[in-house]
Amino acid sequence: MSAVLLDGERLAARVRAEVATGVARLRERGVTVGLGTVLVGDDAPSARYVAMKHADCAEVGIVSVHEHLPATATQEDVEAAVARFNADARVHAYLVQLPLPQGLDEERVLRAVDPDKDVDGLHPVNLGRLVMGRPGPLPCTPQGIVELLAAYDVPVEGRHVVVIGRGLTIGRPLALLLAMKRPGCNAAVTVVHTGVRDLAGLVRQGDVVVAAAGRAGLVTPDMVKPGAAVVGAGTSWEGRKLLSDVAEGVSEVAGWITPRLGGVGPMTRAMLLRNALAAAERAAGST
């Protein structure tokens, strides 16, 4: 068996084109969509990721506003940058790039973000909206995974999805989203992590497996039900090389699989652009 490739870059290009159309439509009304980023310190992967986000913005016509704080920035410095973006009418949505340097309280920073400008969908208010099934910005990676599975006709509704990882950015919100009664979701969801007994046996039950633990090569071919869809959402770095949670060889067992590069990552960034556009549309509708 050779798995169907879940090409996130191809789908993300389609989303970017749709966002560009929406951005142009707002510009005709005199609204220039603005996306802000706050980067603290000099973490190389974070800096590269922020640079890609700004390149995406340029492609679709969104104006980027960036603040780069030194690694020595205090909690007060970071929260002051958040307050500036909250008050800046040019910025319709923004994010604080995670992880923050040691010693800074990420949760406190996230709580300080204006929920209406929360492009990552990680503010407690927006996570609460997700739990209650209310409209609001969805976390970008979970939203991107759901759309990627739907675009390639991966059966999810009524199936068993196993999510490996319980992190705030992927595992927890993805499990909530997939369990909800909405198109492309409505699944039975099991959340596991690297500390559970018989991890391999639990993963092998999944019709869809999403690996989001950040441990290279965690999911091996013997852990995958033949024909299952496997999404590598967790990554780690070995020098400058990006490693997936999904080991080589899984593609020979799976029915669908994301590539090591060009799978979930492009979709995450595409959903961020869509959330920024939606925030600008909400702001324009209220003025």
C-alpha atoms as a PDB file:
ATOM      1  CA  MET A   1       0.000   0.000   0.000  1.00  0.00           C
ATOM      2  CA  SER A   2       1.243   3.483  -0.821  1.00  0.00           C
ATOM      3  CA  ALA A   3      -0.514   6.279   1.015  1.00  0.00           C
ATOM      4  CA  VAL A   4      -2.257   9.250  -0.588  1.00  0.00           C
ATOM      5  CA  LEU A   5      -0.230  12.366   0.206  1.00  0.00           C
ATOM      6  CA  LEU A   6      -2.123  15.026   2.172  1.00  0.00           C
ATOM      7  CA  ASP A   7      -0.586  17.976   0.341  1.00  0.00           C
ATOM      8  CA  GLY A   8      -1.036  20.924   2.667  1.00  0.00           C
ATOM      9  CA  GLU A   9       0.887  23.339   0.481  1.00  0.00           C
ATOM     10  CA  ARG A  10      -1.457  22.813  -2.445  1.00  0.00           C
ATOM     11  CA  LEU A  11      -4.553  23.382  -0.307  1.00  0.00           C
ATOM     12  CA  ALA A  12      -2.960  26.339   1.497  1.00  0.00           C
ATOM     13  CA  ALA A  13      -2.322  28.030  -1.863  1.00  0.00           C
ATOM     14  CA  ARG A  14      -6.045  27.798  -2.569  1.00  0.00           C
ATOM     15  CA  VAL A  15      -6.859  29.316   0.842  1.00  0.00           C
ATOM     16  CA  ARG A  16      -4.356  32.137   0.288  1.00  0.00           C
ATOM     17  CA  ALA A  17      -6.030  32.951  -3.033  1.00  0.00           C
ATOM     18  CA  GLU A  18      -9.421  33.111  -1.299  1.00  0.00           C
ATOM     19  CA  VAL A  19      -7.986  35.347   1.434  1.00  0.00           C
ATOM     20  CA  ALA A  20      -6.392  37.639  -1.163  1.00  0.00           C
ATOM     21  CA  THR A  21      -9.815  38.113  -2.759  1.00  0.00           C
ATOM     22  CA  GLY A  22     -11.343  38.999   0.610  1.00  0.00           C
ATOM     23  CA  VAL A  23      -8.501  41.392   1.425  1.00  0.00           C
ATOM     24  CA  ALA A  24      -8.959  43.167  -1.923  1.00  0.00           C
ATOM     25  CA  ARG A  25     -12.700  43.450  -1.302  1.00  0.00           C
ATOM     26  CA  LEU A  26     -12.081  45.154   2.038  1.00  0.00           C
ATOM     27  CA  ARG A  27      -9.503  47.459   0.479  1.00  0.00           C
ATOM     28  CA  GLU A  28     -12.183  48.672  -1.920  1.00  0.00           C
ATOM     29  CA  ARG A  29     -14.129  49.734   1.177  1.00  0.00           C
ATOM     30  CA  GLY A  30     -11.110  51.613   2.506  1.00  0.00           C
ATOM     31  CA  VAL A  31     -10.023  48.922   4.995  1.00  0.00           C
ATOM     32  CA  THR A  32      -6.415  47.681   4.935  1.00  0.00           C
ATOM     33  CA  VAL A  33      -6.094  44.374   6.779  1.00  0.00           C
ATOM     34  CA  GLY A  34      -3.266  44.418   9.328  1.00  0.00           C
ATOM     35  CA  LEU A  35      -1.632  41.458  11.077  1.00  0.00           C
ATOM     36  CA  GLY A  36       0.772  41.939  13.973  1.00  0.00           C
ATOM     37  CA  THR A  37       3.475  39.687  15.396  1.00  0.00           C
ATOM     38  CA  VAL A  38       5.467  39.901  18.595  1.00  0.00           C
ATOM     39  CA  LEU A  39       8.745  37.960  18.721  1.00  0.00           C
ATOM     40  CA  VAL A  40      10.690  37.815  21.970  1.00  0.00           C
ATOM     41  CA  GLY A  41      14.317  36.704  21.844  1.00  0.00           C
ATOM     42  CA  ASP A  42      16.341  35.087  19.092  1.00  0.00           C
ATOM     43  CA  ASP A  43      15.024  31.533  18.827  1.00  0.00           C
ATOM     44  CA  ALA A  44      15.916  30.586  15.252  1.00  0.00           C
ATOM     45  CA  PRO A  45      12.869  28.373  14.438  1.00  0.00           C
ATOM     46  CA  SER A  46      10.526  31.045  15.845  1.00  0.00           C
ATOM     47  CA  ALA A  47      12.228  33.760  13.807  1.00  0.00           C
ATOM     48  CA  ARG A  48      11.980  31.671  10.629  1.00  0.00           C
ATOM     49  CA  TYR A  49       8.315  30.967  11.285  1.00  0.00           C
ATOM     50  CA  VAL A  50       7.508  34.634  11.845  1.00  0.00           C
ATOM     51  CA  ALA A  51       9.359  35.519   8.630  1.00  0.00           C
ATOM     52  CA  MET A  52       7.220  32.996   6.705  1.00  0.00           C
ATOM     53  CA  LYS A  53       4.065  34.537   8.157  1.00  0.00           C
ATOM     54  CA  HIS A  54       5.114  37.968   6.947  1.00  0.00           C
ATOM     55  CA  ALA A  55       5.886  36.574   3.491  1.00  0.00           C
ATOM     56  CA  ASP A  56       2.400  35.038   3.405  1.00  0.00           C
ATOM     57  CA  CYS A  57       0.906  38.415   4.363  1.00  0.00           C
ATOM     58  CA  ALA A  58       2.746  40.152   1.541  1.00  0.00           C
ATOM     59  CA  GLU A  59       1.421  37.569  -0.930  1.00  0.00           C
ATOM     60  CA  VAL A  60      -2.236  38.192  -0.038  1.00  0.00           C
ATOM     61  CA  GLY A  61      -2.050  41.943   0.542  1.00  0.00           C
ATOM     62  CA  ILE A  62      -2.146  41.992   4.341  1.00  0.00           C
ATOM     63  CA  VAL A  63       0.038  44.646   5.993  1.00  0.00           C
ATOM     64  CA  SER A  64       2.453  43.258   8.607  1.00  0.00           C
ATOM     65  CA  VAL A  65       3.280  45.081  11.829  1.00  0.00           C
ATOM     66  CA  HIS A  66       6.105  43.539  13.851  1.00  0.00           C
ATOM     67  CA  GLU A  67       7.677  44.067  17.265  1.00  0.00           C
ATOM     68  CA  HIS A  68      10.914  42.225  18.090  1.00  0.00           C
ATOM     69  CA  LEU A  69      11.822  42.333  21.761  1.00  0.00           C
ATOM     70  CA  PRO A  70      15.195  41.157  23.124  1.00  0.00           C
ATOM     71  CA  ALA A  71      15.575  37.926  25.078  1.00  0.00           C
ATOM     72  CA  THR A  72      16.120  40.113  28.161  1.00  0.00           C
ATOM     73  CA  ALA A  73      12.585  41.551  27.870  1.00  0.00           C
ATOM     74  CA  THR A  74      10.628  41.458  31.105  1.00  0.00           C
ATOM     75  CA  GLN A  75       7.053  40.307  31.584  1.00  0.00           C
ATOM     76  CA  GLU A  76       6.059  43.967  31.688  1.00  0.00           C
ATOM     77  CA  ASP A  77       7.874  44.650  28.389  1.00  0.00           C
ATOM     78  CA  VAL A  78       5.992  41.869  26.622  1.00  0.00           C
ATOM     79  CA  GLU A  79       2.643  42.885  28.061  1.00  0.00           C
ATOM     80  CA  ALA A  80       3.313  46.486  27.026  1.00  0.00           C
ATOM     81  CA  ALA A  81       3.797  45.294  23.426  1.00  0.00           C
ATOM     82  CA  VAL A  82       0.511  43.383  23.694  1.00  0.00           C
ATOM     83  CA  ALA A  83      -1.215  46.518  24.994  1.00  0.00           C
ATOM     84  CA  ARG A  84       0.122  48.536  22.047  1.00  0.00           C
ATOM     85  CA  PHE A  85      -1.315  46.044  19.565  1.00  0.00           C
ATOM     86  CA  ASN A  86      -4.615  45.943  21.456  1.00  0.00           C
ATOM     87  CA  ALA A  87      -4.880  49.718  21.007  1.00  0.00           C
ATOM     88  CA  ASP A  88      -3.525  49.924  17.431  1.00  0.00           C
ATOM     89  CA  ALA A  89      -6.409  50.335  14.969  1.00  0.00           C
ATOM     90  CA  ARG A  90      -4.103  49.316  12.104  1.00  0.00           C
ATOM     91  CA  VAL A  91      -3.756  45.842  13.608  1.00  0.00           C
ATOM     92  CA  HIS A  92      -6.909  43.758  13.239  1.00  0.00           C
ATOM     93  CA  ALA A  93      -5.334  40.564  14.581  1.00  0.00           C
ATOM     94  CA  TYR A  94      -1.993  39.559  16.013  1.00  0.00           C
ATOM     95  CA  LEU A  95      -0.036  36.870  17.769  1.00  0.00           C
ATOM     96  CA  VAL A  96       2.723  36.515  20.305  1.00  0.00           C
ATOM     97  CA  GLN A  97       5.091  33.892  18.946  1.00  0.00           C
ATOM     98  CA  LEU A  98       5.544  30.957  21.315  1.00  0.00           C
ATOM     99  CA  PRO A  99       7.533  29.648  23.087  1.00  0.00           C
ATOM    100  CA  LEU A 100       8.617  32.666  25.085  1.00  0.00           C
ATOM    101  CA  PRO A 101      12.034  32.753  26.777  1.00  0.00           C
ATOM    102  CA  GLN A 102      12.328  31.104  30.172  1.00  0.00           C
ATOM    103  CA  GLY A 103      11.020  33.162  33.039  1.00  0.00           C
ATOM    104  CA  LEU A 104       8.104  34.687  31.140  1.00  0.00           C
ATOM    105  CA  ASP A 105       4.526  33.671  31.910  1.00  0.00           C
ATOM    106  CA  GLU A 106       2.996  32.604  28.574  1.00  0.00           C
ATOM    107  CA  GLU A 107      -0.493  32.132  30.003  1.00  0.00           C
ATOM    108  CA  ARG A 108      -0.495  35.629  31.457  1.00  0.00           C
ATOM    109  CA  VAL A 109       0.600  37.061  28.102  1.00  0.00           C
ATOM    110  CA  LEU A 110      -2.120  35.156  26.232  1.00  0.00           C
ATOM    111  CA  ARG A 111      -4.758  36.423  28.672  1.00  0.00           C
ATOM    112  CA  ALA A 112      -3.671  40.001  27.970  1.00  0.00           C
ATOM    113  CA  VAL A 113      -4.452  39.703  24.244  1.00  0.00           C
ATOM    114  CA  ASP A 114      -7.726  41.279  23.085  1.00  0.00           C
ATOM    115  CA  PRO A 115      -9.890  38.201  22.274  1.00  0.00           C
ATOM    116  CA  ASP A 116     -11.216  39.931  19.146  1.00  0.00           C
ATOM    117  CA  LYS A 117      -7.638  40.322  17.861  1.00  0.00           C
ATOM    118  CA  ASP A 118      -6.521  36.827  18.881  1.00  0.00           C
ATOM    119  CA  VAL A 119      -5.435  35.415  15.520  1.00  0.00           C
ATOM    120  CA  ASP A 120      -4.274  32.110  17.057  1.00  0.00           C
ATOM    121  CA  GLY A 121      -7.600  31.420  18.779  1.00  0.00           C
ATOM    122  CA  LEU A 122      -5.830  30.619  22.053  1.00  0.00           C
ATOM    123  CA  HIS A 123      -7.271  33.265  24.368  1.00  0.00           C
ATOM    124  CA  PRO A 124      -9.355  31.664  27.155  1.00  0.00           C
ATOM    125  CA  VAL A 125     -12.444  33.459  25.819  1.00  0.00           C
ATOM    126  CA  ASN A 126     -11.985  31.950  22.366  1.00  0.00           C
ATOM    127  CA  LEU A 127     -11.180  28.495  23.725  1.00  0.00           C
ATOM    128  CA  GLY A 128     -14.390  28.814  25.761  1.00  0.00           C
ATOM    129  CA  ARG A 129     -16.272  29.667  22.583  1.00  0.00           C
ATOM    130  CA  LEU A 130     -14.857  26.509  21.021  1.00  0.00           C
ATOM    131  CA  VAL A 131     -15.994  24.396  23.985  1.00  0.00           C
ATOM    132  CA  MET A 132     -19.497  25.891  23.749  1.00  0.00           C
ATOM    133  CA  GLY A 133     -19.684  25.644  19.973  1.00  0.00           C
ATOM    134  CA  ARG A 134     -19.960  29.414  19.605  1.00  0.00           C
ATOM    135  CA  PRO A 135     -18.494  31.427  16.679  1.00  0.00           C
ATOM    136  CA  GLY A 136     -14.966  32.713  17.151  1.00  0.00           C
ATOM    137  CA  PRO A 137     -11.429  32.329  15.817  1.00  0.00           C
ATOM    138  CA  LEU A 138     -10.411  28.671  15.849  1.00  0.00           C
ATOM    139  CA  PRO A 139      -6.860  27.592  16.752  1.00  0.00           C
ATOM    140  CA  CYS A 140      -4.969  27.573  13.475  1.00  0.00           C
ATOM    141  CA  THR A 141      -3.339  24.135  13.447  1.00  0.00           C
ATOM    142  CA  PRO A 142      -6.474  22.191  14.504  1.00  0.00           C
ATOM    143  CA  GLN A 143      -8.559  24.134  11.991  1.00  0.00           C
ATOM    144  CA  GLY A 144      -5.983  23.436   9.268  1.00  0.00           C
ATOM    145  CA  ILE A 145      -5.916  19.712  10.046  1.00  0.00           C
ATOM    146  CA  VAL A 146      -9.701  19.410   9.837  1.00  0.00           C
ATOM    147  CA  GLU A 147      -9.757  21.187   6.481  1.00  0.00           C
ATOM    148  CA  LEU A 148      -6.870  19.113   5.141  1.00  0.00           C
ATOM    149  CA  LEU A 149      -8.624  15.859   6.009  1.00  0.00           C
ATOM    150  CA  ALA A 150     -11.863  17.092   4.435  1.00  0.00           C
ATOM    151  CA  ALA A 151     -10.152  18.239   1.239  1.00  0.00           C
ATOM    152  CA  TYR A 152      -8.806  14.720   0.635  1.00  0.00           C
ATOM    153  CA  ASP A 153     -12.085  12.994   1.551  1.00  0.00           C
ATOM    154  CA  VAL A 154     -10.651  11.259   4.604  1.00  0.00           C
ATOM    155  CA  PRO A 155     -13.595   9.686   6.486  1.00  0.00           C
ATOM    156  CA  VAL A 156     -13.809  11.329   9.904  1.00  0.00           C
ATOM    157  CA  GLU A 157     -17.478  11.520  10.884  1.00  0.00           C
ATOM    158  CA  GLY A 158     -18.382   8.550  13.059  1.00  0.00           C
ATOM    159  CA  ARG A 159     -14.811   7.230  12.956  1.00  0.00           C
ATOM    160  CA  HIS A 160     -12.231   6.796  15.716  1.00  0.00           C
ATOM    161  CA  VAL A 161      -9.585   9.526  15.828  1.00  0.00           C
ATOM    162  CA  VAL A 162      -6.556   9.121  18.078  1.00  0.00           C
ATOM    163  CA  VAL A 163      -4.762  12.362  18.965  1.00  0.00           C
ATOM    164  CA  ILE A 164      -1.277  11.913  20.430  1.00  0.00           C
ATOM    165  CA  GLY A 165      -0.495  14.971  22.521  1.00  0.00           C
ATOM    166  CA  ARG A 166      -2.543  17.187  24.829  1.00  0.00           C
ATOM    167  CA  GLY A 167      -0.870  20.552  24.264  1.00  0.00           C
ATOM    168  CA  LEU A 168      -2.736  23.843  24.220  1.00  0.00           C
ATOM    169  CA  THR A 169      -1.950  24.702  20.604  1.00  0.00           C
ATOM    170  CA  ILE A 170      -2.876  21.387  18.942  1.00  0.00           C
ATOM    171  CA  GLY A 171      -3.942  18.353  20.975  1.00  0.00           C
ATOM    172  CA  ARG A 172      -6.562  19.740  23.327  1.00  0.00           C
ATOM    173  CA  PRO A 173      -8.384  22.074  20.914  1.00  0.00           C
ATOM    174  CA  LEU A 174      -8.167  19.551  18.070  1.00  0.00           C
ATOM    175  CA  ALA A 175      -9.829  16.870  20.199  1.00  0.00           C
ATOM    176  CA  LEU A 176     -12.653  19.270  21.061  1.00  0.00           C
ATOM    177  CA  LEU A 177     -13.099  20.328  17.450  1.00  0.00           C
ATOM    178  CA  LEU A 178     -13.133  16.795  16.027  1.00  0.00           C
ATOM    179  CA  ALA A 179     -15.677  15.605  18.586  1.00  0.00           C
ATOM    180  CA  MET A 180     -18.152  18.381  17.762  1.00  0.00           C
ATOM    181  CA  LYS A 181     -21.184  17.813  15.555  1.00  0.00           C
ATOM    182  CA  ARG A 182     -20.015  19.847  12.596  1.00  0.00           C
ATOM    183  CA  PRO A 183     -18.958  19.029   9.011  1.00  0.00           C
ATOM    184  CA  GLY A 184     -15.720  17.077   8.821  1.00  0.00           C
ATOM    185  CA  CYS A 185     -15.791  16.277  12.539  1.00  0.00           C
ATOM    186  CA  ASN A 186     -18.345  14.365  14.672  1.00  0.00           C
ATOM    187  CA  ALA A 187     -15.783  11.662  15.507  1.00  0.00           C
ATOM    188  CA  ALA A 188     -15.070   9.481  18.522  1.00  0.00           C
ATOM    189  CA  VAL A 189     -11.832  11.000  19.831  1.00  0.00           C
ATOM    190  CA  THR A 190      -9.230   9.451  22.104  1.00  0.00           C
ATOM    191  CA  VAL A 191      -6.445  11.665  23.453  1.00  0.00           C
ATOM    192  CA  VAL A 192      -3.252   9.885  24.457  1.00  0.00           C
ATOM    193  CA  HIS A 193       0.285  10.954  25.302  1.00  0.00           C
ATOM    194  CA  THR A 194       3.726   9.444  25.686  1.00  0.00           C
ATOM    195  CA  GLY A 195       3.105   8.580  29.337  1.00  0.00           C
ATOM    196  CA  VAL A 196       0.193   6.187  28.774  1.00  0.00           C
ATOM    197  CA  ARG A 197       0.512   2.406  28.964  1.00  0.00           C
ATOM    198  CA  ASP A 198       0.359   0.513  25.667  1.00  0.00           C
ATOM    199  CA  LEU A 199       0.575   3.635  23.544  1.00  0.00           C
ATOM    200  CA  ALA A 200       1.097   1.544  20.420  1.00  0.00           C
ATOM    201  CA  GLY A 201      -2.028  -0.517  21.059  1.00  0.00           C
ATOM    202  CA  LEU A 202      -4.175   2.565  21.554  1.00  0.00           C
ATOM    203  CA  VAL A 203      -2.826   4.299  18.449  1.00  0.00           C
ATOM    204  CA  ARG A 204      -3.413   1.167  16.385  1.00  0.00           C
ATOM    205  CA  GLN A 205      -7.166   1.514  17.027  1.00  0.00           C
ATOM    206  CA  GLY A 206      -7.336   4.834  15.198  1.00  0.00           C
ATOM    207  CA  ASP A 207      -8.959   5.262  11.806  1.00  0.00           C
ATOM    208  CA  VAL A 208      -7.256   8.665  11.873  1.00  0.00           C
ATOM    209  CA  VAL A 209      -4.087   9.316  13.874  1.00  0.00           C
ATOM    210  CA  VAL A 210      -2.799  12.817  14.601  1.00  0.00           C
ATOM    211  CA  ALA A 211       0.690  12.867  16.098  1.00  0.00           C
ATOM    212  CA  ALA A 212       1.255  16.117  17.981  1.00  0.00           C
ATOM    213  CA  ALA A 213       3.707  15.175  20.722  1.00  0.00           C
ATOM    214  CA  GLY A 214       6.856  16.827  19.376  1.00  0.00           C
ATOM    215  CA  ARG A 215       8.889  13.615  19.545  1.00  0.00           C
ATOM    216  CA  ALA A 216      10.677  12.641  16.352  1.00  0.00           C
ATOM    217  CA  GLY A 217       9.692   9.281  14.856  1.00  0.00           C
ATOM    218  CA  LEU A 218       7.200   8.497  17.626  1.00  0.00           C
ATOM    219  CA  VAL A 219       4.634   6.843  15.325  1.00  0.00           C
ATOM    220  CA  THR A 220       6.145   3.799  13.641  1.00  0.00           C
ATOM    221  CA  PRO A 221       4.615   1.528  10.963  1.00  0.00           C
ATOM    222  CA  ASP A 222       3.686  -1.202  13.455  1.00  0.00           C
ATOM    223  CA  MET A 223       1.549   1.310  15.404  1.00  0.00           C
ATOM    224  CA  VAL A 224      -0.724   2.154  12.457  1.00  0.00           C
ATOM    225  CA  LYS A 225      -3.883   0.351  11.392  1.00  0.00           C
ATOM    226  CA  PRO A 226      -3.579  -0.491   7.681  1.00  0.00           C
ATOM    227  CA  GLY A 227      -5.387   2.148   5.641  1.00  0.00           C
ATOM    228  CA  ALA A 228      -5.584   4.709   8.453  1.00  0.00           C
ATOM    229  CA  ALA A 229      -4.966   8.415   7.853  1.00  0.00           C
ATOM    230  CA  VAL A 230      -1.851   9.672   9.631  1.00  0.00           C
ATOM    231  CA  VAL A 231      -1.206  13.363  10.247  1.00  0.00           C
ATOM    232  CA  GLY A 232       2.188  14.496  11.487  1.00  0.00           C
ATOM    233  CA  ALA A 233       1.397  17.677  13.404  1.00  0.00           C
ATOM    234  CA  GLY A 234       4.211  17.538  15.946  1.00  0.00           C
ATOM    235  CA  THR A 235       7.740  18.539  14.996  1.00  0.00           C
ATOM    236  CA  SER A 236      11.167  18.858  16.542  1.00  0.00           C
ATOM    237  CA  TRP A 237      14.509  20.133  15.327  1.00  0.00           C
ATOM    238  CA  GLU A 238      17.829  18.393  14.834  1.00  0.00           C
ATOM    239  CA  GLY A 239      20.095  21.310  14.082  1.00  0.00           C
ATOM    240  CA  ARG A 240      18.426  22.985  11.106  1.00  0.00           C
ATOM    241  CA  LYS A 241      16.550  19.836  10.066  1.00  0.00           C
ATOM    242  CA  LEU A 242      12.833  19.653  10.851  1.00  0.00           C
ATOM    243  CA  LEU A 243      11.782  16.215  12.097  1.00  0.00           C
ATOM    244  CA  SER A 244       8.266  14.764  12.135  1.00  0.00           C
ATOM    245  CA  ASP A 245       6.554  12.746  14.848  1.00  0.00           C
ATOM    246  CA  VAL A 246       5.805  10.205  12.091  1.00  0.00           C
ATOM    247  CA  ALA A 247       8.596   7.791  11.220  1.00  0.00           C
ATOM    248  CA  GLU A 248       9.716   6.836   7.745  1.00  0.00           C
ATOM    249  CA  GLY A 249       7.888   3.776   6.476  1.00  0.00           C
ATOM    250  CA  VAL A 250       4.456   4.688   7.853  1.00  0.00           C
ATOM    251  CA  SER A 251       3.449   5.676   4.314  1.00  0.00           C
ATOM    252  CA  GLU A 252       3.632   1.999   3.338  1.00  0.00           C
ATOM    253  CA  VAL A 253       0.907   1.146   5.872  1.00  0.00           C
ATOM    254  CA  ALA A 254      -1.301   4.244   5.945  1.00  0.00           C
ATOM    255  CA  GLY A 255      -4.053   5.101   3.494  1.00  0.00           C
ATOM    256  CA  TRP A 256      -3.354   8.847   3.746  1.00  0.00           C
ATOM    257  CA  ILE A 257      -0.345  10.662   5.194  1.00  0.00           C
ATOM    258  CA  THR A 258       1.091  14.154   5.474  1.00  0.00           C
ATOM    259  CA  PRO A 259       4.564  14.772   4.031  1.00  0.00           C
ATOM    260  CA  ARG A 260       7.404  15.701   6.386  1.00  0.00           C
ATOM    261  CA  LEU A 261       7.379  19.177   4.817  1.00  0.00           C
ATOM    262  CA  GLY A 262       4.375  20.819   3.209  1.00  0.00           C
ATOM    263  CA  GLY A 263       1.676  19.117   5.248  1.00  0.00           C
ATOM    264  CA  VAL A 264       0.283  20.739   8.388  1.00  0.00           C
ATOM    265  CA  GLY A 265       2.639  23.749   8.507  1.00  0.00           C
ATOM    266  CA  PRO A 266       1.321  25.545   5.401  1.00  0.00           C
ATOM    267  CA  MET A 267      -2.253  24.945   6.540  1.00  0.00           C
ATOM    268  CA  THR A 268      -1.540  26.479   9.951  1.00  0.00           C
ATOM    269  CA  ARG A 269      -0.240  29.633   8.301  1.00  0.00           C
ATOM    270  CA  ALA A 270      -3.158  29.723   5.850  1.00  0.00           C
ATOM    271  CA  MET A 271      -5.678  29.526   8.700  1.00  0.00           C
ATOM    272  CA  LEU A 272      -3.863  32.374  10.421  1.00  0.00           C
ATOM    273  CA  LEU A 273      -4.404  34.551   7.330  1.00  0.00           C
ATOM    274  CA  ARG A 274      -8.060  33.550   7.235  1.00  0.00           C
ATOM    275  CA  ASN A 275      -8.484  34.443  10.918  1.00  0.00           C
ATOM    276  CA  ALA A 276      -6.839  37.828  10.311  1.00  0.00           C
ATOM    277  CA  LEU A 277      -9.217  38.546   7.436  1.00  0.00           C
ATOM    278  CA  ALA A 278     -12.205  37.508   9.551  1.00  0.00           C
ATOM    279  CA  ALA A 279     -11.077  39.841  12.357  1.00  0.00           C
ATOM    280  CA  ALA A 280     -10.837  42.738   9.896  1.00  0.00           C
ATOM    281  CA  GLU A 281     -14.290  41.923   8.519  1.00  0.00           C
ATOM    282  CA  ARG A 282     -15.744  41.906  12.044  1.00  0.00           C
ATOM    283  CA  ALA A 283     -14.091  45.252  12.819  1.00  0.00           C
ATOM    284  CA  ALA A 284     -15.294  46.761   9.541  1.00  0.00           C
ATOM    285  CA  GLY A 285     -18.827  45.574  10.231  1.00  0.00           C
ATOM    286  CA  SER A 286     -18.859  47.247  13.629  1.00  0.00           C
ATOM    287  CA  THR A 287     -17.769  50.682  12.359  1.00  0.00           C
END
